[in-house]
Amino acid sequence: FAGRGEKRRGLIIDPGAASGLIGCDTLKDLLEHCIKPYGKEISIDKSITSPVSGISGGSDRTLGQVTIPLVTAGCPITFTGEVIGGDGSMCPALVGNPSLRKMNSTIFTNYFQNGDGLLVLDSRSDDQGALKMLRILLTDSGHYILPTDHEQTARVAKETKKEVMLFTQKVAEESARHWNDI
């Protein structure tokens, strides 16, 4: 994906994806540029395969499940997804809805003046120290990518973190007034 004309590597934040997926060619590219330079190893489980269908309507099976160690904003993270080949070999690394829900994430779209978004992890935790905020870059195609190719890109300034904490508290209080199942 490209952001402001520059090729970027990372994870596409895709709440519409039913699971984590990555094309085999995309996996090779991430290995070359975001994993091998750090001397990290990946794990592949070929016994885990699933049927998948893309937006084109075609049906296929995944090749196995991969777990990749990455770094974003100086924080170590892992991506787990099933690998697809063939026509899907260029599929970007998709962080799907189940993973976003598991992380109790909140996505603030268009948060920064240039259209970049903010991904807040563990946003419903009672522990104030557990909140992690990452900048997600708006790509030229309109997707959000969590960059893993430049260590500093996804960092969020302390002032922004304070703003988000106050805003999140307001949202939680207002939501509790409207709904009793929060």
C-alpha atoms as a PDB file:
ATOM      1  CA  PHE A   1       0.000   0.000   0.000  1.00  0.00           C
ATOM      2  CA  ALA A   2       1.061   3.577  -0.508  1.00  0.00           C
ATOM      3  CA  GLY A   3       0.583   6.481   1.853  1.00  0.00           C
ATOM      4  CA  ARG A   4       1.038   9.956   0.404  1.00  0.00           C
ATOM      5  CA  GLY A   5       2.802   8.363  -2.574  1.00  0.00           C
ATOM      6  CA  GLU A   6       5.317   6.351  -0.487  1.00  0.00           C
ATOM      7  CA  LYS A   7       5.240   2.520  -0.407  1.00  0.00           C
ATOM      8  CA  ARG A   8       4.433   1.359   3.117  1.00  0.00           C
ATOM      9  CA  ARG A   9       4.410  -2.055   4.745  1.00  0.00           C
ATOM     10  CA  GLY A  10       2.256  -3.087   7.631  1.00  0.00           C
ATOM     11  CA  LEU A  11      -1.105  -4.447   8.679  1.00  0.00           C
ATOM     12  CA  ILE A  12      -4.387  -3.281   7.171  1.00  0.00           C
ATOM     13  CA  ILE A  13      -6.923  -2.576   9.898  1.00  0.00           C
ATOM     14  CA  ASP A  14     -10.068  -4.175   8.471  1.00  0.00           C
ATOM     15  CA  PRO A  15     -13.071  -4.523  10.810  1.00  0.00           C
ATOM     16  CA  GLY A  16     -14.947  -6.009   7.824  1.00  0.00           C
ATOM     17  CA  ALA A  17     -12.598  -9.002   7.591  1.00  0.00           C
ATOM     18  CA  ALA A  18     -13.918 -12.133   9.300  1.00  0.00           C
ATOM     19  CA  SER A  19     -10.390 -13.303  10.170  1.00  0.00           C
ATOM     20  CA  GLY A  20      -6.714 -12.512   9.756  1.00  0.00           C
ATOM     21  CA  LEU A  21      -5.463 -13.195   6.239  1.00  0.00           C
ATOM     22  CA  ILE A  22      -2.265 -12.568   4.329  1.00  0.00           C
ATOM     23  CA  GLY A  23      -1.274 -13.359   0.745  1.00  0.00           C
ATOM     24  CA  CYS A  24       1.848 -15.473   0.250  1.00  0.00           C
ATOM     25  CA  ASP A  25       3.540 -12.745  -1.823  1.00  0.00           C
ATOM     26  CA  THR A  26       2.740 -10.145   0.850  1.00  0.00           C
ATOM     27  CA  LEU A  27       4.169 -12.507   3.464  1.00  0.00           C
ATOM     28  CA  LYS A  28       7.414 -12.813   1.463  1.00  0.00           C
ATOM     29  CA  ASP A  29       7.638  -9.012   1.239  1.00  0.00           C
ATOM     30  CA  LEU A  30       7.082  -8.569   4.997  1.00  0.00           C
ATOM     31  CA  LEU A  31       9.686 -11.258   5.683  1.00  0.00           C
ATOM     32  CA  GLU A  32      12.241  -9.467   3.540  1.00  0.00           C
ATOM     33  CA  HIS A  33      11.635  -5.930   4.808  1.00  0.00           C
ATOM     34  CA  CYS A  34      10.131  -6.127   8.312  1.00  0.00           C
ATOM     35  CA  ILE A  35      11.280  -9.410   9.853  1.00  0.00           C
ATOM     36  CA  LYS A  36      14.659 -10.607   8.518  1.00  0.00           C
ATOM     37  CA  PRO A  37      16.409  -7.280   9.194  1.00  0.00           C
ATOM     38  CA  TYR A  38      15.620  -7.853  12.890  1.00  0.00           C
ATOM     39  CA  GLY A  39      16.699 -11.515  12.854  1.00  0.00           C
ATOM     40  CA  LYS A  40      13.276 -12.753  13.930  1.00  0.00           C
ATOM     41  CA  GLU A  41      11.645 -16.068  13.131  1.00  0.00           C
ATOM     42  CA  ILE A  42       8.101 -16.806  12.001  1.00  0.00           C
ATOM     43  CA  SER A  43       6.038 -19.894  12.708  1.00  0.00           C
ATOM     44  CA  ILE A  44       3.814 -21.651  10.181  1.00  0.00           C
ATOM     45  CA  ASP A  45       1.211 -24.283  11.023  1.00  0.00           C
ATOM     46  CA  LYS A  46       0.218 -26.028   7.796  1.00  0.00           C
ATOM     47  CA  SER A  47      -2.389 -28.145   9.598  1.00  0.00           C
ATOM     48  CA  ILE A  48      -4.654 -25.107  10.019  1.00  0.00           C
ATOM     49  CA  THR A  49      -6.485 -24.386   6.771  1.00  0.00           C
ATOM     50  CA  SER A  50      -9.878 -22.860   6.101  1.00  0.00           C
ATOM     51  CA  PRO A  51     -12.136 -22.236   3.145  1.00  0.00           C
ATOM     52  CA  VAL A  52     -12.105 -18.579   2.072  1.00  0.00           C
ATOM     53  CA  SER A  53     -13.965 -16.521  -0.482  1.00  0.00           C
ATOM     54  CA  GLY A  54     -12.978 -13.087  -1.633  1.00  0.00           C
ATOM     55  CA  ILE A  55     -14.958 -10.111  -2.798  1.00  0.00           C
ATOM     56  CA  SER A  56     -14.762 -11.559  -6.309  1.00  0.00           C
ATOM     57  CA  GLY A  57     -16.860 -14.481  -5.035  1.00  0.00           C
ATOM     58  CA  GLY A  58     -14.244 -17.141  -5.806  1.00  0.00           C
ATOM     59  CA  SER A  59     -13.682 -19.949  -3.311  1.00  0.00           C
ATOM     60  CA  ASP A  60     -10.302 -21.297  -2.158  1.00  0.00           C
ATOM     61  CA  ARG A  61      -8.500 -22.862   0.843  1.00  0.00           C
ATOM     62  CA  THR A  62      -5.805 -21.234   2.920  1.00  0.00           C
ATOM     63  CA  LEU A  63      -2.301 -22.745   2.907  1.00  0.00           C
ATOM     64  CA  GLY A  64      -1.805 -22.660   6.687  1.00  0.00           C
ATOM     65  CA  GLN A  65      -1.599 -20.233   9.590  1.00  0.00           C
ATOM     66  CA  VAL A  66       1.407 -17.983  10.131  1.00  0.00           C
ATOM     67  CA  THR A  67       2.500 -16.005  13.190  1.00  0.00           C
ATOM     68  CA  ILE A  68       4.807 -13.102  12.451  1.00  0.00           C
ATOM     69  CA  PRO A  69       6.775 -11.015  14.984  1.00  0.00           C
ATOM     70  CA  LEU A  70       6.704  -7.331  13.997  1.00  0.00           C
ATOM     71  CA  VAL A  71       7.460  -3.921  15.488  1.00  0.00           C
ATOM     72  CA  THR A  72       5.258  -0.834  15.339  1.00  0.00           C
ATOM     73  CA  ALA A  73       5.906   2.425  17.181  1.00  0.00           C
ATOM     74  CA  GLY A  74       8.794   0.696  18.942  1.00  0.00           C
ATOM     75  CA  CYS A  75       6.406  -1.922  20.401  1.00  0.00           C
ATOM     76  CA  PRO A  76       6.779  -5.609  19.617  1.00  0.00           C
ATOM     77  CA  ILE A  77       3.576  -7.115  18.214  1.00  0.00           C
ATOM     78  CA  THR A  78       2.581 -10.345  16.506  1.00  0.00           C
ATOM     79  CA  PHE A  79       0.270 -10.894  13.590  1.00  0.00           C
ATOM     80  CA  THR A  80      -1.462 -14.243  13.166  1.00  0.00           C
ATOM     81  CA  GLY A  81      -3.341 -14.973   9.988  1.00  0.00           C
ATOM     82  CA  GLU A  82      -4.015 -17.625   7.432  1.00  0.00           C
ATOM     83  CA  VAL A  83      -1.972 -17.558   4.232  1.00  0.00           C
ATOM     84  CA  ILE A  84      -3.660 -17.515   0.848  1.00  0.00           C
ATOM     85  CA  GLY A  85      -2.052 -18.150  -2.510  1.00  0.00           C
ATOM     86  CA  GLY A  86      -3.140 -18.118  -6.117  1.00  0.00           C
ATOM     87  CA  ASP A  87      -5.269 -15.105  -7.026  1.00  0.00           C
ATOM     88  CA  GLY A  88      -5.071 -13.988  -3.372  1.00  0.00           C
ATOM     89  CA  SER A  89      -1.265 -14.039  -3.148  1.00  0.00           C
ATOM     90  CA  MET A  90      -1.106 -10.227  -3.079  1.00  0.00           C
ATOM     91  CA  CYS A  91      -3.753  -9.917  -0.343  1.00  0.00           C
ATOM     92  CA  PRO A  92      -2.451  -7.495   2.290  1.00  0.00           C
ATOM     93  CA  ALA A  93      -2.065  -8.577   5.901  1.00  0.00           C
ATOM     94  CA  LEU A  94      -5.586  -8.024   7.250  1.00  0.00           C
ATOM     95  CA  VAL A  95      -6.285  -7.517  10.944  1.00  0.00           C
ATOM     96  CA  GLY A  96      -9.883  -8.683  11.094  1.00  0.00           C
ATOM     97  CA  ASN A  97     -12.791  -8.045  13.411  1.00  0.00           C
ATOM     98  CA  PRO A  98     -12.122 -11.011  15.771  1.00  0.00           C
ATOM     99  CA  SER A  99      -8.597  -9.739  16.513  1.00  0.00           C
ATOM    100  CA  LEU A 100      -9.773  -6.143  16.939  1.00  0.00           C
ATOM    101  CA  ARG A 101     -12.487  -7.316  19.347  1.00  0.00           C
ATOM    102  CA  LYS A 102     -10.053  -9.523  21.281  1.00  0.00           C
ATOM    103  CA  MET A 103      -7.822  -6.468  21.816  1.00  0.00           C
ATOM    104  CA  ASN A 104     -10.810  -4.348  22.929  1.00  0.00           C
ATOM    105  CA  SER A 105      -9.774  -1.865  20.294  1.00  0.00           C
ATOM    106  CA  THR A 106     -11.336   1.435  19.372  1.00  0.00           C
ATOM    107  CA  ILE A 107     -10.674   3.052  16.017  1.00  0.00           C
ATOM    108  CA  PHE A 108     -10.861   6.820  15.707  1.00  0.00           C
ATOM    109  CA  THR A 109     -11.003   7.529  11.987  1.00  0.00           C
ATOM    110  CA  ASN A 110      -9.839  10.861  10.598  1.00  0.00           C
ATOM    111  CA  TYR A 111      -8.366  11.708  14.020  1.00  0.00           C
ATOM    112  CA  PHE A 112      -5.352  13.628  12.733  1.00  0.00           C
ATOM    113  CA  GLN A 113      -5.517  16.612  10.379  1.00  0.00           C
ATOM    114  CA  ASN A 114      -4.100  14.623   7.447  1.00  0.00           C
ATOM    115  CA  GLY A 115      -6.778  11.903   7.767  1.00  0.00           C
ATOM    116  CA  ASP A 116      -4.664   9.408   9.734  1.00  0.00           C
ATOM    117  CA  GLY A 117      -6.552   7.476  12.364  1.00  0.00           C
ATOM    118  CA  LEU A 118      -5.891   6.387  15.907  1.00  0.00           C
ATOM    119  CA  LEU A 119      -6.062   2.777  17.074  1.00  0.00           C
ATOM    120  CA  VAL A 120      -6.578   2.460  20.822  1.00  0.00           C
ATOM    121  CA  LEU A 121      -5.936  -0.996  22.260  1.00  0.00           C
ATOM    122  CA  ASP A 122      -7.397  -2.385  25.460  1.00  0.00           C
ATOM    123  CA  SER A 123      -9.687   0.646  25.467  1.00  0.00           C
ATOM    124  CA  ARG A 124     -12.142  -0.860  27.960  1.00  0.00           C
ATOM    125  CA  SER A 125      -9.581  -1.835  30.573  1.00  0.00           C
ATOM    126  CA  ASP A 126      -9.963  -0.527  34.117  1.00  0.00           C
ATOM    127  CA  ASP A 127      -6.173  -0.229  34.350  1.00  0.00           C
ATOM    128  CA  GLN A 128      -5.286   3.264  33.082  1.00  0.00           C
ATOM    129  CA  GLY A 129      -1.716   2.139  32.354  1.00  0.00           C
ATOM    130  CA  ALA A 130      -2.848  -0.583  29.920  1.00  0.00           C
ATOM    131  CA  LEU A 131      -4.100   1.807  27.226  1.00  0.00           C
ATOM    132  CA  LYS A 132      -1.970   1.670  24.067  1.00  0.00           C
ATOM    133  CA  MET A 133      -2.420   4.159  21.249  1.00  0.00           C
ATOM    134  CA  LEU A 134      -1.075   3.704  17.758  1.00  0.00           C
ATOM    135  CA  ARG A 135      -1.301   5.973  14.754  1.00  0.00           C
ATOM    136  CA  ILE A 136      -2.780   4.227  11.721  1.00  0.00           C
ATOM    137  CA  LEU A 137      -1.900   5.807   8.406  1.00  0.00           C
ATOM    138  CA  LEU A 138      -4.488   6.649   5.775  1.00  0.00           C
ATOM    139  CA  THR A 139      -3.354   5.023   2.539  1.00  0.00           C
ATOM    140  CA  ASP A 140      -3.856   6.478  -0.917  1.00  0.00           C
ATOM    141  CA  SER A 141      -6.570   3.842  -1.473  1.00  0.00           C
ATOM    142  CA  GLY A 142      -8.472   4.938   1.644  1.00  0.00           C
ATOM    143  CA  HIS A 143      -7.528   2.021   3.939  1.00  0.00           C
ATOM    144  CA  TYR A 144      -5.838   2.340   7.321  1.00  0.00           C
ATOM    145  CA  ILE A 145      -2.464   0.642   7.763  1.00  0.00           C
ATOM    146  CA  LEU A 146      -0.599   0.000  10.999  1.00  0.00           C
ATOM    147  CA  PRO A 147       2.958   0.555   9.770  1.00  0.00           C
ATOM    148  CA  THR A 148       5.645  -1.995  10.547  1.00  0.00           C
ATOM    149  CA  ASP A 149       8.357  -0.701   8.226  1.00  0.00           C
ATOM    150  CA  HIS A 150       9.536   2.380  10.167  1.00  0.00           C
ATOM    151  CA  GLU A 151       9.769   2.032  13.950  1.00  0.00           C
ATOM    152  CA  GLN A 152       8.673   5.554  14.845  1.00  0.00           C
ATOM    153  CA  THR A 153       5.775   6.113  12.437  1.00  0.00           C
ATOM    154  CA  ALA A 154       2.937   4.796  14.601  1.00  0.00           C
ATOM    155  CA  ARG A 155       3.993   6.636  17.778  1.00  0.00           C
ATOM    156  CA  VAL A 156       1.471   9.017  19.318  1.00  0.00           C
ATOM    157  CA  ALA A 157       2.470  12.222  21.165  1.00  0.00           C
ATOM    158  CA  LYS A 158       1.808  12.482  24.908  1.00  0.00           C
ATOM    159  CA  GLU A 159      -0.535  15.452  24.385  1.00  0.00           C
ATOM    160  CA  THR A 160      -2.632  13.389  21.983  1.00  0.00           C
ATOM    161  CA  LYS A 161      -2.730  10.528  24.472  1.00  0.00           C
ATOM    162  CA  LYS A 162      -4.074  12.859  27.165  1.00  0.00           C
ATOM    163  CA  GLU A 163      -6.734  14.195  24.757  1.00  0.00           C
ATOM    164  CA  VAL A 164      -7.810  10.671  23.886  1.00  0.00           C
ATOM    165  CA  MET A 165      -7.974   9.611  27.544  1.00  0.00           C
ATOM    166  CA  LEU A 166     -10.293  12.533  28.341  1.00  0.00           C
ATOM    167  CA  PHE A 167     -12.399  11.924  25.236  1.00  0.00           C
ATOM    168  CA  THR A 168     -12.661   8.196  25.970  1.00  0.00           C
ATOM    169  CA  GLN A 169     -13.800   8.949  29.507  1.00  0.00           C
ATOM    170  CA  LYS A 170     -16.503  11.282  28.149  1.00  0.00           C
ATOM    171  CA  VAL A 171     -17.646   8.618  25.686  1.00  0.00           C
ATOM    172  CA  ALA A 172     -17.823   5.995  28.452  1.00  0.00           C
ATOM    173  CA  GLU A 173     -19.829   8.292  30.733  1.00  0.00           C
ATOM    174  CA  GLU A 174     -22.246   9.317  27.971  1.00  0.00           C
ATOM    175  CA  SER A 175     -22.685   5.716  26.837  1.00  0.00           C
ATOM    176  CA  ALA A 176     -23.505   4.623  30.389  1.00  0.00           C
ATOM    177  CA  ARG A 177     -26.257   7.243  30.462  1.00  0.00           C
ATOM    178  CA  HIS A 178     -27.825   5.826  27.291  1.00  0.00           C
ATOM    179  CA  TRP A 179     -27.313   2.095  27.728  1.00  0.00           C
ATOM    180  CA  ASN A 180     -27.377  -0.011  30.886  1.00  0.00           C
ATOM    181  CA  ASP A 181     -25.463  -3.016  29.490  1.00  0.00           C
ATOM    182  CA  ILE A 182     -22.027  -1.398  29.277  1.00  0.00           C
END
